[in-house]
Amino acid sequence: QVQLVESGGGSVQVGGSLRLSCAASGIIFSINAVGWFRQAPGKQRELVAIITRGGSTDYSDSVKGRFTISRDNAKNTAYLQMNSLKPEDTAVYYCNVGTTRDARGGMGYWGKGTLVTVSS
């Protein structure tokens, strides 16, 4: 049974940093891509970052230069380092694991999410 558990969310002030983790079990993590998505209140879920099994990364324009996605296959865990946080980054953050195509499209396995709140 595939299980994804996100952690690391919390409340921070503008300009602060957080590091989210996505721990996977029940899946061969190393051969899969990981996408980080977020969903703000009243908005659709959006992809913010993706890392392929080979380590290639891509980011949405809204987080480029501030967020960094990485992975540690030995720990079956992916990370999202978030710096220079803004109020508009407030959302529930989810990871999605699957093929590159599935992870980018949110068609892989989902975790339950972790809440990030950025206050001014």
C-alpha atoms as a PDB file:
ATOM      1  CA  GLN A   1       0.000   0.000   0.000  1.00  0.00           C
ATOM      2  CA  VAL A   2       1.444   3.324  -1.093  1.00  0.00           C
ATOM      3  CA  GLN A   3       1.596   5.984   1.582  1.00  0.00           C
ATOM      4  CA  LEU A   4       2.844   9.544   1.287  1.00  0.00           C
ATOM      5  CA  VAL A   5       3.182  11.699   4.370  1.00  0.00           C
ATOM      6  CA  GLU A   6       3.881  15.407   4.130  1.00  0.00           C
ATOM      7  CA  SER A   7       5.298  17.307   7.090  1.00  0.00           C
ATOM      8  CA  GLY A   8       7.037  20.546   7.932  1.00  0.00           C
ATOM      9  CA  GLY A   9       4.203  22.991   7.463  1.00  0.00           C
ATOM     10  CA  GLY A  10       3.412  25.704   9.955  1.00  0.00           C
ATOM     11  CA  SER A  11       2.958  29.412  10.460  1.00  0.00           C
ATOM     12  CA  VAL A  12       5.699  31.855   9.517  1.00  0.00           C
ATOM     13  CA  GLN A  13       6.023  35.556   8.914  1.00  0.00           C
ATOM     14  CA  VAL A  14       6.671  37.149   5.566  1.00  0.00           C
ATOM     15  CA  GLY A  15      10.228  36.530   4.469  1.00  0.00           C
ATOM     16  CA  GLY A  16      10.563  33.406   6.546  1.00  0.00           C
ATOM     17  CA  SER A  17      11.485  29.884   5.487  1.00  0.00           C
ATOM     18  CA  LEU A  18      10.098  26.397   5.836  1.00  0.00           C
ATOM     19  CA  ARG A  19      11.195  23.001   4.609  1.00  0.00           C
ATOM     20  CA  LEU A  20       8.507  20.525   3.695  1.00  0.00           C
ATOM     21  CA  SER A  21       9.105  16.792   3.546  1.00  0.00           C
ATOM     22  CA  CYS A  22       7.273  14.074   1.665  1.00  0.00           C
ATOM     23  CA  ALA A  23       8.043  10.609   2.997  1.00  0.00           C
ATOM     24  CA  ALA A  24       7.039   7.695   0.800  1.00  0.00           C
ATOM     25  CA  SER A  25       6.464   4.044   1.557  1.00  0.00           C
ATOM     26  CA  GLY A  26       5.072   1.121  -0.406  1.00  0.00           C
ATOM     27  CA  ILE A  27       6.527   2.395  -3.674  1.00  0.00           C
ATOM     28  CA  ILE A  28       9.885   2.228  -5.427  1.00  0.00           C
ATOM     29  CA  PHE A  29      10.572   5.879  -4.750  1.00  0.00           C
ATOM     30  CA  SER A  30      13.782   6.189  -6.736  1.00  0.00           C
ATOM     31  CA  ILE A  31      12.190   5.468 -10.110  1.00  0.00           C
ATOM     32  CA  ASN A  32       9.394   7.973  -9.682  1.00  0.00           C
ATOM     33  CA  ALA A  33       9.040  11.700 -10.077  1.00  0.00           C
ATOM     34  CA  VAL A  34       7.725  13.888  -7.286  1.00  0.00           C
ATOM     35  CA  GLY A  35       5.575  16.940  -7.708  1.00  0.00           C
ATOM     36  CA  TRP A  36       4.747  19.463  -5.031  1.00  0.00           C
ATOM     37  CA  PHE A  37       1.339  21.073  -5.402  1.00  0.00           C
ATOM     38  CA  ARG A  38      -0.505  23.635  -3.347  1.00  0.00           C
ATOM     39  CA  GLN A  39      -4.097  24.638  -2.932  1.00  0.00           C
ATOM     40  CA  ALA A  40      -5.057  27.981  -1.456  1.00  0.00           C
ATOM     41  CA  PRO A  41      -8.568  28.626  -0.120  1.00  0.00           C
ATOM     42  CA  GLY A  42     -11.009  29.073  -2.970  1.00  0.00           C
ATOM     43  CA  LYS A  43      -8.396  28.260  -5.614  1.00  0.00           C
ATOM     44  CA  GLN A  44      -7.519  25.259  -7.718  1.00  0.00           C
ATOM     45  CA  ARG A  45      -4.626  23.016  -6.828  1.00  0.00           C
ATOM     46  CA  GLU A  46      -1.498  24.072  -8.729  1.00  0.00           C
ATOM     47  CA  LEU A  47       1.870  22.497  -9.391  1.00  0.00           C
ATOM     48  CA  VAL A  48       4.718  24.499  -7.876  1.00  0.00           C
ATOM     49  CA  ALA A  49       7.711  22.214  -8.373  1.00  0.00           C
ATOM     50  CA  ILE A  50       8.647  18.844  -9.797  1.00  0.00           C
ATOM     51  CA  ILE A  51      11.735  16.659  -9.669  1.00  0.00           C
ATOM     52  CA  THR A  52      12.201  13.731 -12.018  1.00  0.00           C
ATOM     53  CA  ARG A  53      13.789  10.425 -11.101  1.00  0.00           C
ATOM     54  CA  GLY A  54      16.949  11.691 -12.750  1.00  0.00           C
ATOM     55  CA  GLY A  55      16.978  14.844 -10.638  1.00  0.00           C
ATOM     56  CA  SER A  56      15.819  17.368 -13.209  1.00  0.00           C
ATOM     57  CA  THR A  57      13.695  20.099 -11.686  1.00  0.00           C
ATOM     58  CA  ASP A  58      11.111  22.582 -12.824  1.00  0.00           C
ATOM     59  CA  TYR A  59       9.243  25.336 -11.015  1.00  0.00           C
ATOM     60  CA  SER A  60       6.237  27.530 -11.490  1.00  0.00           C
ATOM     61  CA  ASP A  61       7.043  31.145 -12.181  1.00  0.00           C
ATOM     62  CA  SER A  62       5.478  32.167  -8.878  1.00  0.00           C
ATOM     63  CA  VAL A  63       8.075  30.281  -6.813  1.00  0.00           C
ATOM     64  CA  LYS A  64      11.108  30.225  -9.093  1.00  0.00           C
ATOM     65  CA  GLY A  65      14.162  31.519  -7.284  1.00  0.00           C
ATOM     66  CA  ARG A  66      12.544  31.102  -3.851  1.00  0.00           C
ATOM     67  CA  PHE A  67      11.681  27.396  -3.629  1.00  0.00           C
ATOM     68  CA  THR A  68      13.997  24.439  -4.131  1.00  0.00           C
ATOM     69  CA  ILE A  69      12.846  20.864  -4.636  1.00  0.00           C
ATOM     70  CA  SER A  70      15.176  17.985  -3.839  1.00  0.00           C
ATOM     71  CA  ARG A  71      15.073  14.302  -3.057  1.00  0.00           C
ATOM     72  CA  ASP A  72      16.938  11.734  -0.996  1.00  0.00           C
ATOM     73  CA  ASN A  73      16.267   8.323  -2.495  1.00  0.00           C
ATOM     74  CA  ALA A  74      18.026   6.561   0.370  1.00  0.00           C
ATOM     75  CA  LYS A  75      15.375   8.010   2.692  1.00  0.00           C
ATOM     76  CA  ASN A  76      12.472   7.721   0.236  1.00  0.00           C
ATOM     77  CA  THR A  77      11.847  11.393   0.879  1.00  0.00           C
ATOM     78  CA  ALA A  78      11.432  14.522  -1.174  1.00  0.00           C
ATOM     79  CA  TYR A  79      11.793  18.041   0.123  1.00  0.00           C
ATOM     80  CA  LEU A  80      10.589  21.509  -0.718  1.00  0.00           C
ATOM     81  CA  GLN A  81      12.742  24.269   0.721  1.00  0.00           C
ATOM     82  CA  MET A  82      10.720  27.473   0.744  1.00  0.00           C
ATOM     83  CA  ASN A  83      12.472  30.790   1.292  1.00  0.00           C
ATOM     84  CA  SER A  84      11.332  34.405   1.153  1.00  0.00           C
ATOM     85  CA  LEU A  85       7.790  33.331   1.844  1.00  0.00           C
ATOM     86  CA  LYS A  86       4.931  35.620   0.898  1.00  0.00           C
ATOM     87  CA  PRO A  87       1.318  35.748   2.075  1.00  0.00           C
ATOM     88  CA  GLU A  88       0.258  34.371  -1.311  1.00  0.00           C
ATOM     89  CA  ASP A  89       2.211  31.201  -0.539  1.00  0.00           C
ATOM     90  CA  THR A  90      -0.388  30.356   2.108  1.00  0.00           C
ATOM     91  CA  ALA A  91      -1.935  27.034   1.107  1.00  0.00           C
ATOM     92  CA  VAL A  92      -2.107  23.344   1.828  1.00  0.00           C
ATOM     93  CA  TYR A  93       0.894  21.712   0.189  1.00  0.00           C
ATOM     94  CA  TYR A  94       0.695  18.210  -1.233  1.00  0.00           C
ATOM     95  CA  CYS A  95       3.173  15.866  -2.837  1.00  0.00           C
ATOM     96  CA  ASN A  96       2.334  13.629  -5.766  1.00  0.00           C
ATOM     97  CA  VAL A  97       4.476  10.666  -6.746  1.00  0.00           C
ATOM     98  CA  GLY A  98       4.370   8.813 -10.046  1.00  0.00           C
ATOM     99  CA  THR A  99       5.805   8.876 -13.510  1.00  0.00           C
ATOM    100  CA  THR A 100       6.983  12.313 -14.619  1.00  0.00           C
ATOM    101  CA  ARG A 101       3.817  12.746 -16.649  1.00  0.00           C
ATOM    102  CA  ASP A 102       1.592  11.608 -13.786  1.00  0.00           C
ATOM    103  CA  ALA A 103       3.373  13.657 -11.130  1.00  0.00           C
ATOM    104  CA  ARG A 104       3.239  16.795 -13.279  1.00  0.00           C
ATOM    105  CA  GLY A 105      -0.454  16.285 -13.911  1.00  0.00           C
ATOM    106  CA  GLY A 106      -1.369  15.273 -10.389  1.00  0.00           C
ATOM    107  CA  MET A 107      -2.276  11.770 -11.542  1.00  0.00           C
ATOM    108  CA  GLY A 108       0.051   9.872  -9.211  1.00  0.00           C
ATOM    109  CA  TYR A 109      -0.307   9.050  -5.540  1.00  0.00           C
ATOM    110  CA  TRP A 110      -1.275  11.857  -3.172  1.00  0.00           C
ATOM    111  CA  GLY A 111      -0.430  12.598   0.405  1.00  0.00           C
ATOM    112  CA  LYS A 112      -2.873  14.310   2.751  1.00  0.00           C
ATOM    113  CA  GLY A 113      -1.088  17.629   2.731  1.00  0.00           C
ATOM    114  CA  THR A 114       0.508  20.023   5.171  1.00  0.00           C
ATOM    115  CA  LEU A 115      -0.679  23.563   5.852  1.00  0.00           C
ATOM    116  CA  VAL A 116       1.571  26.558   5.336  1.00  0.00           C
ATOM    117  CA  THR A 117       0.421  29.932   6.610  1.00  0.00           C
ATOM    118  CA  VAL A 118       2.394  33.089   5.902  1.00  0.00           C
ATOM    119  CA  SER A 119       1.395  36.195   7.811  1.00  0.00           C
ATOM    120  CA  SER A 120       2.474  39.778   7.407  1.00  0.00           C
END
